[in-house]
Amino acid sequence: MFLFKPLILLFSLIVCSVQAVHFDIPAESNPQAFCLREYAGEKTLMIVSVRTSGNRGDGQKLSMEIKDSQGTIHSSVQNLIDEERIVSEVSGPTVIDICFMNTLTPGAMESNHKKRSVKLDFNIGADAQDYSALQKAYNLEPVEADLQRAKDFINEVKGKMYYLQTRETKFRNTNESTNERVKNFAYFTFITLIVLVTWQILYLRSFFQRKHLIP
């Protein structure tokens, strides 16, 4: 399983038909995962299409893992070459992480030229639905299919806003709890110092009195 210490690209696209990105991943002996993240609503269809450069035997091994915040692994490809298409249904609501690692194969020398170019098309929810097929299956008018698409987008936006609101509430509660603990610790430290200072004064006074240094 990939360690999640990576660069993270947080996609906050709300109304978009296709999410496509291009990037290069250099090959390293001990690479860190390079991850992209997106929110997925409840019972959401997800389609991930990946096209990569390179070929077998070029001293690189590109791996890909798709998982959600519950720890469910939707796909894991250990030696990604050419093109891969993954279709999966997300029970959600959750966050999807698509992670890549490009590892040097044993005996290969590190070089700035050793890298894999990746083109990623990520479609989720309404983006992944085939509305033309839906239109034919239910004999819908084009405007009805467009209205259904708009409805699905609105539901996704509502789900994403609810998810962000829930996270904000959780972070706020954690922050308030931490502030309360810090304040209580400060009070405890202050009271402890007062007690120690008072005890030291009384002890020194008693000591000097026994030595008849003070009345």
N, C-alpha and C. Protein backbone atom coordinates (compact mmCIF):
# COMPACT_ATOMS: atom_id res chain seq x y z
N MET A 1 0.85 -1.19 0.00
CA MET A 1 0.00 0.00 0.00
C MET A 1 0.89 1.24 0.00
N PHE A 2 0.51 2.25 -0.74
CA PHE A 2 1.34 3.43 -0.86
C PHE A 2 1.30 4.24 0.42
N LEU A 3 2.45 4.79 0.79
CA LEU A 3 2.49 5.74 1.88
C LEU A 3 2.00 7.07 1.36
N PHE A 4 1.10 7.72 2.11
CA PHE A 4 0.51 8.96 1.63
C PHE A 4 1.27 10.14 2.19
N LYS A 5 2.50 10.40 1.63
CA LYS A 5 3.26 11.57 2.00
C LYS A 5 3.54 12.39 0.77
N PRO A 6 2.64 12.61 -0.03
CA PRO A 6 2.90 13.08 -1.36
C PRO A 6 2.55 14.53 -1.57
N LEU A 7 2.79 14.97 -2.79
CA LEU A 7 2.15 16.18 -3.28
C LEU A 7 0.69 15.81 -3.53
N ILE A 8 -0.22 16.66 -3.12
CA ILE A 8 -1.63 16.36 -3.31
C ILE A 8 -2.24 17.49 -4.13
N LEU A 9 -2.93 17.12 -5.21
CA LEU A 9 -3.68 18.10 -5.98
C LEU A 9 -5.13 17.93 -5.60
N LEU A 10 -5.72 18.95 -5.00
CA LEU A 10 -7.11 18.87 -4.57
C LEU A 10 -7.98 19.50 -5.64
N PHE A 11 -8.74 18.64 -6.35
CA PHE A 11 -9.63 19.12 -7.39
C PHE A 11 -10.91 19.61 -6.77
N SER A 12 -11.23 20.87 -7.01
CA SER A 12 -12.47 21.43 -6.48
C SER A 12 -13.39 21.83 -7.63
N LEU A 13 -13.35 21.08 -8.71
CA LEU A 13 -14.17 21.39 -9.86
C LEU A 13 -15.61 21.02 -9.56
N ILE A 14 -16.52 21.93 -9.81
CA ILE A 14 -17.92 21.69 -9.49
C ILE A 14 -18.73 21.41 -10.76
N VAL A 15 -18.58 22.26 -11.76
CA VAL A 15 -19.30 22.03 -13.00
C VAL A 15 -18.28 21.88 -14.12
N CYS A 16 -18.02 20.65 -14.51
CA CYS A 16 -17.01 20.36 -15.52
C CYS A 16 -17.30 19.00 -16.11
N SER A 17 -17.26 18.87 -17.42
CA SER A 17 -17.63 17.61 -18.04
C SER A 17 -16.48 16.62 -18.06
N VAL A 18 -15.25 17.09 -18.16
CA VAL A 18 -14.10 16.20 -18.22
C VAL A 18 -12.99 16.79 -17.36
N GLN A 19 -12.38 15.96 -16.55
CA GLN A 19 -11.25 16.39 -15.74
C GLN A 19 -10.02 15.67 -16.30
N ALA A 20 -9.14 16.41 -16.98
CA ALA A 20 -7.96 15.80 -17.60
C ALA A 20 -6.74 16.58 -17.18
N VAL A 21 -5.69 15.86 -16.81
CA VAL A 21 -4.44 16.48 -16.40
C VAL A 21 -3.28 15.74 -17.04
N HIS A 22 -2.19 16.46 -17.28
CA HIS A 22 -0.95 15.89 -17.80
C HIS A 22 0.16 16.20 -16.80
N PHE A 23 1.01 15.26 -16.53
CA PHE A 23 2.13 15.49 -15.63
C PHE A 23 3.20 14.43 -15.87
N ASP A 24 4.42 14.74 -15.43
CA ASP A 24 5.55 13.83 -15.53
C ASP A 24 5.92 13.35 -14.13
N ILE A 25 6.26 12.06 -14.03
CA ILE A 25 6.69 11.48 -12.76
C ILE A 25 8.10 10.94 -12.93
N PRO A 26 9.10 11.56 -12.29
CA PRO A 26 10.48 11.06 -12.42
C PRO A 26 10.64 9.71 -11.71
N ALA A 27 11.54 8.90 -12.22
CA ALA A 27 11.82 7.59 -11.61
C ALA A 27 12.85 7.77 -10.50
N GLU A 28 12.59 7.19 -9.34
CA GLU A 28 13.48 7.29 -8.20
C GLU A 28 13.60 5.93 -7.53
N SER A 29 14.71 5.75 -6.79
CA SER A 29 14.91 4.48 -6.09
C SER A 29 13.90 4.32 -4.96
N ASN A 30 13.63 5.42 -4.23
CA ASN A 30 12.65 5.40 -3.15
C ASN A 30 11.66 6.53 -3.37
N PRO A 31 10.76 6.35 -4.31
CA PRO A 31 9.84 7.45 -4.66
C PRO A 31 8.74 7.64 -3.63
N GLN A 32 8.25 8.86 -3.57
CA GLN A 32 7.06 9.16 -2.80
C GLN A 32 5.85 9.13 -3.73
N ALA A 33 4.71 8.81 -3.16
CA ALA A 33 3.49 8.75 -3.97
C ALA A 33 3.08 10.16 -4.41
N PHE A 34 2.67 10.27 -5.66
CA PHE A 34 2.12 11.51 -6.21
C PHE A 34 0.63 11.28 -6.38
N CYS A 35 -0.19 12.02 -5.62
CA CYS A 35 -1.62 11.71 -5.54
C CYS A 35 -2.48 12.87 -6.01
N LEU A 36 -3.62 12.51 -6.56
CA LEU A 36 -4.66 13.47 -6.93
C LEU A 36 -5.91 13.07 -6.19
N ARG A 37 -6.67 14.07 -5.77
CA ARG A 37 -7.80 13.81 -4.87
C ARG A 37 -9.07 14.46 -5.40
N GLU A 38 -10.20 13.76 -5.20
CA GLU A 38 -11.50 14.29 -5.59
C GLU A 38 -12.57 13.72 -4.68
N TYR A 39 -13.59 14.53 -4.45
CA TYR A 39 -14.73 14.10 -3.64
C TYR A 39 -15.67 13.26 -4.49
N ALA A 40 -16.25 12.23 -3.88
CA ALA A 40 -17.24 11.37 -4.55
C ALA A 40 -18.48 11.28 -3.68
N GLY A 41 -19.64 11.47 -4.31
CA GLY A 41 -20.89 11.39 -3.58
C GLY A 41 -21.33 9.95 -3.36
N GLU A 42 -22.52 9.81 -2.82
CA GLU A 42 -23.05 8.49 -2.50
C GLU A 42 -23.47 7.75 -3.77
N LYS A 43 -23.08 6.47 -3.87
CA LYS A 43 -23.41 5.60 -5.01
C LYS A 43 -23.07 6.31 -6.32
N THR A 44 -21.80 6.59 -6.49
CA THR A 44 -21.31 7.36 -7.63
C THR A 44 -20.49 6.48 -8.56
N LEU A 45 -20.72 6.64 -9.87
CA LEU A 45 -19.92 5.93 -10.86
C LEU A 45 -18.61 6.69 -11.08
N MET A 46 -17.51 5.95 -11.18
CA MET A 46 -16.19 6.55 -11.37
C MET A 46 -15.51 5.87 -12.56
N ILE A 47 -14.99 6.69 -13.48
CA ILE A 47 -14.25 6.18 -14.63
C ILE A 47 -12.89 6.88 -14.67
N VAL A 48 -11.83 6.10 -14.61
CA VAL A 48 -10.46 6.62 -14.65
C VAL A 48 -9.76 6.05 -15.88
N SER A 49 -9.29 6.95 -16.75
CA SER A 49 -8.54 6.54 -17.95
C SER A 49 -7.13 7.11 -17.85
N VAL A 50 -6.14 6.24 -17.99
CA VAL A 50 -4.74 6.65 -17.86
C VAL A 50 -3.97 6.23 -19.10
N ARG A 51 -3.19 7.14 -19.64
CA ARG A 51 -2.30 6.82 -20.77
C ARG A 51 -0.90 7.26 -20.38
N THR A 52 0.07 6.37 -20.53
CA THR A 52 1.44 6.67 -20.11
C THR A 52 2.42 6.45 -21.26
N SER A 53 3.56 7.12 -21.12
CA SER A 53 4.65 6.91 -22.07
C SER A 53 5.55 5.79 -21.55
N GLY A 54 6.60 5.45 -22.29
CA GLY A 54 7.55 4.43 -21.86
C GLY A 54 7.15 3.03 -22.29
N ASN A 55 8.02 2.10 -21.98
CA ASN A 55 7.77 0.71 -22.33
C ASN A 55 8.51 -0.19 -21.34
N ARG A 56 8.22 -1.46 -21.39
CA ARG A 56 8.86 -2.41 -20.49
C ARG A 56 10.36 -2.49 -20.80
N GLY A 57 11.15 -2.58 -19.74
CA GLY A 57 12.59 -2.68 -19.92
C GLY A 57 13.30 -1.36 -20.00
N ASP A 58 12.60 -0.25 -19.75
CA ASP A 58 13.26 1.06 -19.81
C ASP A 58 13.80 1.50 -18.45
N GLY A 59 13.84 0.56 -17.49
CA GLY A 59 14.40 0.87 -16.18
C GLY A 59 13.44 1.54 -15.22
N GLN A 60 12.15 1.59 -15.58
CA GLN A 60 11.16 2.23 -14.73
C GLN A 60 9.96 1.31 -14.51
N LYS A 61 9.33 1.48 -13.38
CA LYS A 61 8.14 0.70 -13.08
C LYS A 61 7.11 1.64 -12.45
N LEU A 62 6.10 1.99 -13.24
CA LEU A 62 5.07 2.92 -12.78
C LEU A 62 3.90 2.15 -12.17
N SER A 63 3.55 2.51 -10.95
CA SER A 63 2.44 1.85 -10.25
C SER A 63 1.34 2.87 -9.98
N MET A 64 0.10 2.39 -9.95
CA MET A 64 -1.05 3.24 -9.68
C MET A 64 -1.97 2.55 -8.69
N GLU A 65 -2.51 3.32 -7.76
CA GLU A 65 -3.47 2.79 -6.80
C GLU A 65 -4.60 3.79 -6.63
N ILE A 66 -5.83 3.30 -6.66
CA ILE A 66 -7.01 4.13 -6.46
C ILE A 66 -7.70 3.64 -5.19
N LYS A 67 -7.86 4.52 -4.23
CA LYS A 67 -8.48 4.13 -2.97
C LYS A 67 -9.32 5.29 -2.44
N ASP A 68 -10.21 4.97 -1.50
CA ASP A 68 -11.04 6.01 -0.89
C ASP A 68 -10.64 6.21 0.56
N SER A 69 -11.29 7.18 1.21
CA SER A 69 -10.91 7.53 2.58
C SER A 69 -11.27 6.45 3.58
N GLN A 70 -12.13 5.49 3.19
CA GLN A 70 -12.46 4.36 4.07
C GLN A 70 -11.42 3.25 3.97
N GLY A 71 -10.44 3.40 3.08
CA GLY A 71 -9.40 2.40 2.93
C GLY A 71 -9.69 1.36 1.86
N THR A 72 -10.82 1.48 1.17
CA THR A 72 -11.16 0.54 0.11
C THR A 72 -10.30 0.82 -1.13
N ILE A 73 -9.61 -0.21 -1.62
CA ILE A 73 -8.79 -0.08 -2.83
C ILE A 73 -9.63 -0.48 -4.04
N HIS A 74 -9.90 0.47 -4.91
CA HIS A 74 -10.73 0.21 -6.09
C HIS A 74 -9.91 -0.36 -7.24
N SER A 75 -8.62 -0.06 -7.28
CA SER A 75 -7.77 -0.62 -8.32
C SER A 75 -6.31 -0.47 -7.90
N SER A 76 -5.50 -1.45 -8.30
CA SER A 76 -4.06 -1.38 -8.03
C SER A 76 -3.33 -2.01 -9.21
N VAL A 77 -2.57 -1.20 -9.92
CA VAL A 77 -1.81 -1.66 -11.09
C VAL A 77 -0.33 -1.48 -10.78
N GLN A 78 0.42 -2.56 -10.78
CA GLN A 78 1.81 -2.52 -10.33
C GLN A 78 2.80 -2.17 -11.44
N ASN A 79 2.45 -2.41 -12.69
CA ASN A 79 3.36 -2.06 -13.78
C ASN A 79 2.53 -1.49 -14.92
N LEU A 80 2.28 -0.19 -14.82
CA LEU A 80 1.38 0.48 -15.74
C LEU A 80 2.10 0.83 -17.04
N ILE A 81 1.60 0.29 -18.14
CA ILE A 81 2.17 0.53 -19.47
C ILE A 81 1.06 0.92 -20.43
N ASP A 82 1.34 1.90 -21.27
CA ASP A 82 0.43 2.32 -22.34
C ASP A 82 -0.87 2.89 -21.78
N GLU A 83 -1.95 2.12 -21.76
CA GLU A 83 -3.25 2.67 -21.40
C GLU A 83 -4.00 1.73 -20.46
N GLU A 84 -4.73 2.35 -19.52
CA GLU A 84 -5.51 1.59 -18.55
C GLU A 84 -6.82 2.34 -18.31
N ARG A 85 -7.92 1.58 -18.22
CA ARG A 85 -9.24 2.19 -17.96
C ARG A 85 -9.89 1.43 -16.82
N ILE A 86 -10.26 2.16 -15.77
CA ILE A 86 -10.89 1.54 -14.59
C ILE A 86 -12.28 2.13 -14.41
N VAL A 87 -13.25 1.25 -14.27
CA VAL A 87 -14.62 1.65 -14.00
C VAL A 87 -15.02 1.04 -12.66
N SER A 88 -15.51 1.88 -11.76
CA SER A 88 -15.86 1.39 -10.44
C SER A 88 -17.01 2.22 -9.89
N GLU A 89 -17.73 1.64 -8.95
CA GLU A 89 -18.82 2.37 -8.29
C GLU A 89 -18.41 2.64 -6.85
N VAL A 90 -18.56 3.89 -6.46
CA VAL A 90 -18.18 4.32 -5.12
C VAL A 90 -19.44 4.39 -4.26
N SER A 91 -19.37 3.73 -3.11
CA SER A 91 -20.55 3.73 -2.22
C SER A 91 -20.74 5.09 -1.58
N GLY A 92 -19.63 5.80 -1.26
CA GLY A 92 -19.60 7.17 -0.79
C GLY A 92 -20.56 7.50 0.33
N PRO A 93 -20.64 8.77 0.72
CA PRO A 93 -19.75 9.84 0.26
C PRO A 93 -18.35 9.67 0.83
N THR A 94 -17.35 9.97 0.00
CA THR A 94 -15.97 9.73 0.41
C THR A 94 -15.04 10.60 -0.42
N VAL A 95 -13.74 10.44 -0.20
CA VAL A 95 -12.72 11.12 -0.98
C VAL A 95 -11.91 10.07 -1.72
N ILE A 96 -11.72 10.27 -3.01
CA ILE A 96 -10.96 9.33 -3.84
C ILE A 96 -9.54 9.86 -4.03
N ASP A 97 -8.56 9.00 -3.78
CA ASP A 97 -7.16 9.32 -4.03
C ASP A 97 -6.63 8.43 -5.15
N ILE A 98 -6.04 9.06 -6.18
CA ILE A 98 -5.39 8.34 -7.27
C ILE A 98 -3.90 8.60 -7.13
N CYS A 99 -3.15 7.57 -6.76
CA CYS A 99 -1.73 7.73 -6.42
C CYS A 99 -0.85 7.00 -7.44
N PHE A 100 0.26 7.66 -7.79
CA PHE A 100 1.24 7.09 -8.72
C PHE A 100 2.61 7.06 -8.05
N MET A 101 3.39 6.02 -8.36
CA MET A 101 4.79 5.94 -7.95
C MET A 101 5.59 5.37 -9.11
N ASN A 102 6.69 6.04 -9.43
CA ASN A 102 7.57 5.58 -10.51
C ASN A 102 8.89 5.14 -9.87
N THR A 103 9.15 3.84 -9.88
CA THR A 103 10.31 3.28 -9.20
C THR A 103 11.35 2.80 -10.20
N LEU A 104 12.62 3.08 -9.91
CA LEU A 104 13.70 2.55 -10.73
C LEU A 104 13.82 1.04 -10.51
N THR A 105 13.93 0.32 -11.58
CA THR A 105 14.09 -1.13 -11.46
C THR A 105 15.53 -1.44 -11.01
N PRO A 106 15.76 -2.60 -10.36
CA PRO A 106 17.11 -2.94 -9.89
C PRO A 106 18.13 -2.89 -11.02
N GLY A 107 19.24 -2.21 -10.75
CA GLY A 107 20.31 -2.09 -11.73
C GLY A 107 20.22 -0.86 -12.61
N ALA A 108 19.08 -0.17 -12.59
CA ALA A 108 18.91 1.03 -13.43
C ALA A 108 19.56 2.23 -12.75
N MET A 109 20.16 3.10 -13.54
CA MET A 109 20.82 4.30 -13.03
C MET A 109 19.84 5.47 -13.00
N GLU A 110 19.93 6.28 -11.94
CA GLU A 110 19.09 7.46 -11.85
C GLU A 110 19.50 8.48 -12.90
N SER A 111 18.52 9.13 -13.50
CA SER A 111 18.79 10.12 -14.52
C SER A 111 17.60 11.06 -14.62
N ASN A 112 17.90 12.32 -14.97
CA ASN A 112 16.82 13.29 -15.16
C ASN A 112 15.93 12.93 -16.34
N HIS A 113 16.44 12.10 -17.23
CA HIS A 113 15.67 11.72 -18.41
C HIS A 113 14.75 10.53 -18.14
N LYS A 114 14.93 9.89 -17.00
CA LYS A 114 14.07 8.74 -16.66
C LYS A 114 12.80 9.26 -15.98
N LYS A 115 11.75 9.31 -16.73
CA LYS A 115 10.46 9.75 -16.21
C LYS A 115 9.35 9.21 -17.10
N ARG A 116 8.17 9.19 -16.56
CA ARG A 116 7.00 8.76 -17.32
C ARG A 116 6.02 9.93 -17.42
N SER A 117 5.55 10.16 -18.64
CA SER A 117 4.51 11.16 -18.85
C SER A 117 3.15 10.49 -18.70
N VAL A 118 2.28 11.12 -17.95
CA VAL A 118 0.97 10.54 -17.65
C VAL A 118 -0.13 11.51 -18.08
N LYS A 119 -1.11 10.98 -18.78
CA LYS A 119 -2.32 11.73 -19.09
C LYS A 119 -3.47 11.05 -18.37
N LEU A 120 -4.12 11.77 -17.49
CA LEU A 120 -5.18 11.20 -16.65
C LEU A 120 -6.50 11.88 -16.95
N ASP A 121 -7.50 11.09 -17.33
CA ASP A 121 -8.88 11.56 -17.48
C ASP A 121 -9.69 10.95 -16.35
N PHE A 122 -10.23 11.82 -15.51
CA PHE A 122 -10.95 11.36 -14.32
C PHE A 122 -12.38 11.89 -14.38
N ASN A 123 -13.33 10.96 -14.49
CA ASN A 123 -14.74 11.33 -14.55
C ASN A 123 -15.48 10.65 -13.41
N ILE A 124 -16.29 11.42 -12.74
CA ILE A 124 -17.00 10.88 -11.59
C ILE A 124 -18.39 11.48 -11.50
N GLY A 125 -19.34 10.68 -11.04
CA GLY A 125 -20.70 11.18 -10.90
C GLY A 125 -21.35 11.45 -12.23
N ALA A 126 -21.91 12.65 -12.36
CA ALA A 126 -22.61 13.02 -13.60
C ALA A 126 -21.67 13.03 -14.79
N ASP A 127 -20.39 13.31 -14.56
CA ASP A 127 -19.42 13.32 -15.66
C ASP A 127 -19.26 11.94 -16.28
N ALA A 128 -19.45 10.90 -15.46
CA ALA A 128 -19.22 9.53 -15.94
C ALA A 128 -20.47 8.90 -16.55
N GLN A 129 -21.60 9.54 -16.40
CA GLN A 129 -22.84 8.97 -16.92
C GLN A 129 -22.94 9.17 -18.43
N ASP A 130 -23.47 8.14 -19.11
CA ASP A 130 -23.71 8.22 -20.55
C ASP A 130 -25.16 8.65 -20.76
N TYR A 131 -25.36 9.96 -20.89
CA TYR A 131 -26.72 10.48 -21.00
C TYR A 131 -27.34 10.21 -22.37
N SER A 132 -26.51 10.01 -23.38
CA SER A 132 -27.06 9.66 -24.69
C SER A 132 -27.70 8.27 -24.63
N ALA A 133 -27.03 7.33 -23.92
CA ALA A 133 -27.61 6.00 -23.76
C ALA A 133 -28.86 6.06 -22.90
N LEU A 134 -28.84 6.91 -21.88
CA LEU A 134 -30.01 7.08 -21.01
C LEU A 134 -31.18 7.66 -21.81
N GLN A 135 -30.87 8.59 -22.71
CA GLN A 135 -31.90 9.20 -23.54
C GLN A 135 -32.56 8.16 -24.44
N LYS A 136 -31.74 7.26 -25.03
CA LYS A 136 -32.29 6.24 -25.91
C LYS A 136 -33.08 5.19 -25.11
N ALA A 137 -32.56 4.82 -23.95
CA ALA A 137 -33.20 3.76 -23.16
C ALA A 137 -34.58 4.18 -22.67
N TYR A 138 -34.73 5.43 -22.27
CA TYR A 138 -36.00 5.90 -21.72
C TYR A 138 -36.77 6.79 -22.69
N ASN A 139 -36.28 6.86 -23.94
CA ASN A 139 -36.97 7.63 -24.98
C ASN A 139 -37.19 9.08 -24.53
N LEU A 140 -36.13 9.70 -24.06
CA LEU A 140 -36.23 11.06 -23.55
C LEU A 140 -35.94 12.07 -24.65
N GLU A 141 -36.52 13.23 -24.51
CA GLU A 141 -36.20 14.34 -25.38
C GLU A 141 -34.82 14.89 -24.99
N PRO A 142 -34.11 15.50 -25.93
CA PRO A 142 -32.78 16.06 -25.60
C PRO A 142 -32.81 17.00 -24.41
N VAL A 143 -33.87 17.84 -24.33
CA VAL A 143 -33.95 18.77 -23.21
C VAL A 143 -34.16 18.03 -21.89
N GLU A 144 -34.87 16.87 -21.94
CA GLU A 144 -35.07 16.08 -20.72
C GLU A 144 -33.76 15.46 -20.25
N ALA A 145 -32.95 15.02 -21.20
CA ALA A 145 -31.64 14.47 -20.84
C ALA A 145 -30.75 15.56 -20.25
N ASP A 146 -30.81 16.78 -20.83
CA ASP A 146 -30.03 17.89 -20.29
C ASP A 146 -30.50 18.26 -18.88
N LEU A 147 -31.82 18.22 -18.67
CA LEU A 147 -32.35 18.51 -17.34
C LEU A 147 -31.90 17.47 -16.32
N GLN A 148 -31.86 16.20 -16.74
CA GLN A 148 -31.39 15.14 -15.85
C GLN A 148 -29.91 15.34 -15.50
N ARG A 149 -29.13 15.73 -16.51
CA ARG A 149 -27.71 16.01 -16.26
C ARG A 149 -27.56 17.17 -15.26
N ALA A 150 -28.35 18.24 -15.49
CA ALA A 150 -28.29 19.39 -14.58
C ALA A 150 -28.70 19.00 -13.16
N LYS A 151 -29.71 18.14 -13.06
CA LYS A 151 -30.16 17.69 -11.74
C LYS A 151 -29.06 16.91 -11.03
N ASP A 152 -28.37 16.04 -11.78
CA ASP A 152 -27.29 15.25 -11.18
C ASP A 152 -26.14 16.15 -10.73
N PHE A 153 -25.84 17.17 -11.54
CA PHE A 153 -24.78 18.11 -11.16
C PHE A 153 -25.16 18.85 -9.88
N ILE A 154 -26.42 19.28 -9.79
CA ILE A 154 -26.86 20.01 -8.61
C ILE A 154 -26.76 19.12 -7.36
N ASN A 155 -27.15 17.86 -7.51
CA ASN A 155 -27.05 16.94 -6.37
C ASN A 155 -25.59 16.74 -5.96
N GLU A 156 -24.69 16.69 -6.96
CA GLU A 156 -23.27 16.56 -6.63
C GLU A 156 -22.75 17.79 -5.90
N VAL A 157 -23.17 18.96 -6.36
CA VAL A 157 -22.74 20.20 -5.71
C VAL A 157 -23.25 20.24 -4.27
N LYS A 158 -24.53 19.85 -4.07
CA LYS A 158 -25.08 19.82 -2.71
C LYS A 158 -24.32 18.84 -1.84
N GLY A 159 -23.99 17.67 -2.39
CA GLY A 159 -23.25 16.68 -1.62
C GLY A 159 -21.86 17.18 -1.25
N LYS A 160 -21.21 17.85 -2.21
CA LYS A 160 -19.86 18.37 -1.94
C LYS A 160 -19.91 19.47 -0.89
N MET A 161 -20.91 20.36 -0.97
CA MET A 161 -21.02 21.43 0.01
C MET A 161 -21.31 20.86 1.39
N TYR A 162 -22.14 19.83 1.46
CA TYR A 162 -22.44 19.20 2.75
C TYR A 162 -21.19 18.54 3.32
N TYR A 163 -20.42 17.90 2.46
CA TYR A 163 -19.18 17.26 2.90
C TYR A 163 -18.19 18.30 3.44
N LEU A 164 -18.03 19.42 2.72
CA LEU A 164 -17.13 20.46 3.18
C LEU A 164 -17.61 21.09 4.48
N GLN A 165 -18.93 21.25 4.60
CA GLN A 165 -19.48 21.80 5.83
C GLN A 165 -19.23 20.86 7.01
N THR A 166 -19.38 19.55 6.76
CA THR A 166 -19.13 18.58 7.82
C THR A 166 -17.68 18.61 8.26
N ARG A 167 -16.76 18.68 7.29
CA ARG A 167 -15.33 18.75 7.63
C ARG A 167 -15.01 20.03 8.38
N GLU A 168 -15.61 21.15 7.96
CA GLU A 168 -15.35 22.41 8.63
C GLU A 168 -15.83 22.35 10.09
N THR A 169 -17.00 21.73 10.30
CA THR A 169 -17.53 21.59 11.65
C THR A 169 -16.60 20.72 12.50
N LYS A 170 -16.12 19.63 11.91
CA LYS A 170 -15.21 18.74 12.63
C LYS A 170 -13.92 19.47 13.01
N PHE A 171 -13.34 20.22 12.07
CA PHE A 171 -12.10 20.95 12.36
C PHE A 171 -12.34 22.04 13.41
N ARG A 172 -13.50 22.71 13.33
CA ARG A 172 -13.80 23.75 14.31
C ARG A 172 -13.94 23.16 15.71
N ASN A 173 -14.62 22.02 15.80
CA ASN A 173 -14.78 21.37 17.10
C ASN A 173 -13.42 20.93 17.67
N THR A 174 -12.56 20.42 16.79
CA THR A 174 -11.22 20.02 17.23
C THR A 174 -10.43 21.22 17.71
N ASN A 175 -10.54 22.34 16.99
CA ASN A 175 -9.83 23.55 17.36
C ASN A 175 -10.32 24.08 18.70
N GLU A 176 -11.64 24.10 18.89
CA GLU A 176 -12.20 24.59 20.15
C GLU A 176 -11.80 23.69 21.31
N SER A 177 -11.81 22.38 21.08
CA SER A 177 -11.40 21.44 22.12
C SER A 177 -9.93 21.64 22.50
N THR A 178 -9.08 21.86 21.47
CA THR A 178 -7.65 22.09 21.74
C THR A 178 -7.45 23.39 22.51
N ASN A 179 -8.17 24.44 22.12
CA ASN A 179 -8.06 25.71 22.83
C ASN A 179 -8.48 25.57 24.29
N GLU A 180 -9.53 24.81 24.54
CA GLU A 180 -10.01 24.61 25.91
C GLU A 180 -8.96 23.86 26.74
N ARG A 181 -8.33 22.85 26.14
CA ARG A 181 -7.30 22.10 26.86
C ARG A 181 -6.08 22.96 27.16
N VAL A 182 -5.69 23.79 26.18
CA VAL A 182 -4.55 24.69 26.40
C VAL A 182 -4.86 25.68 27.52
N LYS A 183 -6.09 26.21 27.53
CA LYS A 183 -6.48 27.16 28.57
C LYS A 183 -6.47 26.49 29.94
N ASN A 184 -7.00 25.28 30.04
CA ASN A 184 -7.01 24.56 31.32
C ASN A 184 -5.59 24.24 31.78
N PHE A 185 -4.72 23.89 30.83
CA PHE A 185 -3.34 23.60 31.19
C PHE A 185 -2.65 24.86 31.70
N ALA A 186 -2.95 26.00 31.09
CA ALA A 186 -2.36 27.26 31.54
C ALA A 186 -2.81 27.59 32.96
N TYR A 187 -4.12 27.39 33.23
CA TYR A 187 -4.63 27.62 34.59
C TYR A 187 -3.93 26.69 35.59
N PHE A 188 -3.80 25.43 35.23
CA PHE A 188 -3.17 24.45 36.11
C PHE A 188 -1.71 24.83 36.39
N THR A 189 -1.00 25.26 35.33
CA THR A 189 0.40 25.66 35.50
C THR A 189 0.50 26.87 36.41
N PHE A 190 -0.39 27.85 36.23
CA PHE A 190 -0.36 29.06 37.05
C PHE A 190 -0.63 28.74 38.51
N ILE A 191 -1.64 27.92 38.78
CA ILE A 191 -1.96 27.54 40.16
C ILE A 191 -0.82 26.77 40.79
N THR A 192 -0.21 25.87 40.01
CA THR A 192 0.92 25.09 40.52
C THR A 192 2.08 25.99 40.91
N LEU A 193 2.38 27.00 40.07
CA LEU A 193 3.46 27.93 40.38
C LEU A 193 3.16 28.72 41.64
N ILE A 194 1.89 29.16 41.81
CA ILE A 194 1.50 29.90 43.02
C ILE A 194 1.72 29.05 44.26
N VAL A 195 1.29 27.78 44.18
CA VAL A 195 1.44 26.88 45.32
C VAL A 195 2.92 26.66 45.65
N LEU A 196 3.74 26.44 44.62
CA LEU A 196 5.17 26.20 44.85
C LEU A 196 5.86 27.43 45.44
N VAL A 197 5.54 28.60 44.93
CA VAL A 197 6.14 29.83 45.45
C VAL A 197 5.74 30.04 46.90
N THR A 198 4.46 29.83 47.21
CA THR A 198 3.98 29.99 48.59
C THR A 198 4.66 29.00 49.52
N TRP A 199 4.79 27.76 49.06
CA TRP A 199 5.45 26.74 49.89
C TRP A 199 6.92 27.09 50.14
N GLN A 200 7.61 27.58 49.08
CA GLN A 200 9.00 27.96 49.25
C GLN A 200 9.16 29.12 50.24
N ILE A 201 8.26 30.10 50.16
CA ILE A 201 8.34 31.24 51.07
C ILE A 201 8.13 30.78 52.52
N LEU A 202 7.11 29.95 52.75
CA LEU A 202 6.84 29.45 54.10
C LEU A 202 8.00 28.59 54.61
N TYR A 203 8.57 27.78 53.74
CA TYR A 203 9.68 26.92 54.15
C TYR A 203 10.90 27.75 54.53
N LEU A 204 11.24 28.74 53.69
CA LEU A 204 12.39 29.59 53.98
C LEU A 204 12.17 30.40 55.26
N ARG A 205 10.96 30.86 55.45
CA ARG A 205 10.66 31.62 56.67
C ARG A 205 10.85 30.73 57.90
N SER A 206 10.33 29.51 57.84
CA SER A 206 10.48 28.57 58.95
C SER A 206 11.95 28.24 59.19
N PHE A 207 12.72 28.07 58.10
CA PHE A 207 14.15 27.74 58.23
C PHE A 207 14.92 28.88 58.91
N PHE A 208 14.68 30.12 58.50
CA PHE A 208 15.39 31.26 59.09
C PHE A 208 14.98 31.48 60.55
N GLN A 209 13.70 31.18 60.85
CA GLN A 209 13.27 31.29 62.23
C GLN A 209 13.98 30.27 63.12
N ARG A 210 14.18 29.05 62.63
CA ARG A 210 14.87 28.04 63.41
C ARG A 210 16.32 28.40 63.63
N LYS A 211 16.90 29.10 62.68
CA LYS A 211 18.29 29.54 62.81
C LYS A 211 18.42 30.87 63.56
N HIS A 212 17.23 31.41 63.99
CA HIS A 212 17.19 32.68 64.72
C HIS A 212 17.76 33.82 63.90
N LEU A 213 17.55 33.74 62.59
CA LEU A 213 18.01 34.83 61.72
C LEU A 213 16.94 35.90 61.57
N ILE A 214 15.69 35.50 61.76
CA ILE A 214 14.58 36.45 61.74
C ILE A 214 13.70 36.16 62.93
N PRO A 215 12.93 37.15 63.39
CA PRO A 215 12.08 36.90 64.56
C PRO A 215 10.90 36.01 64.22
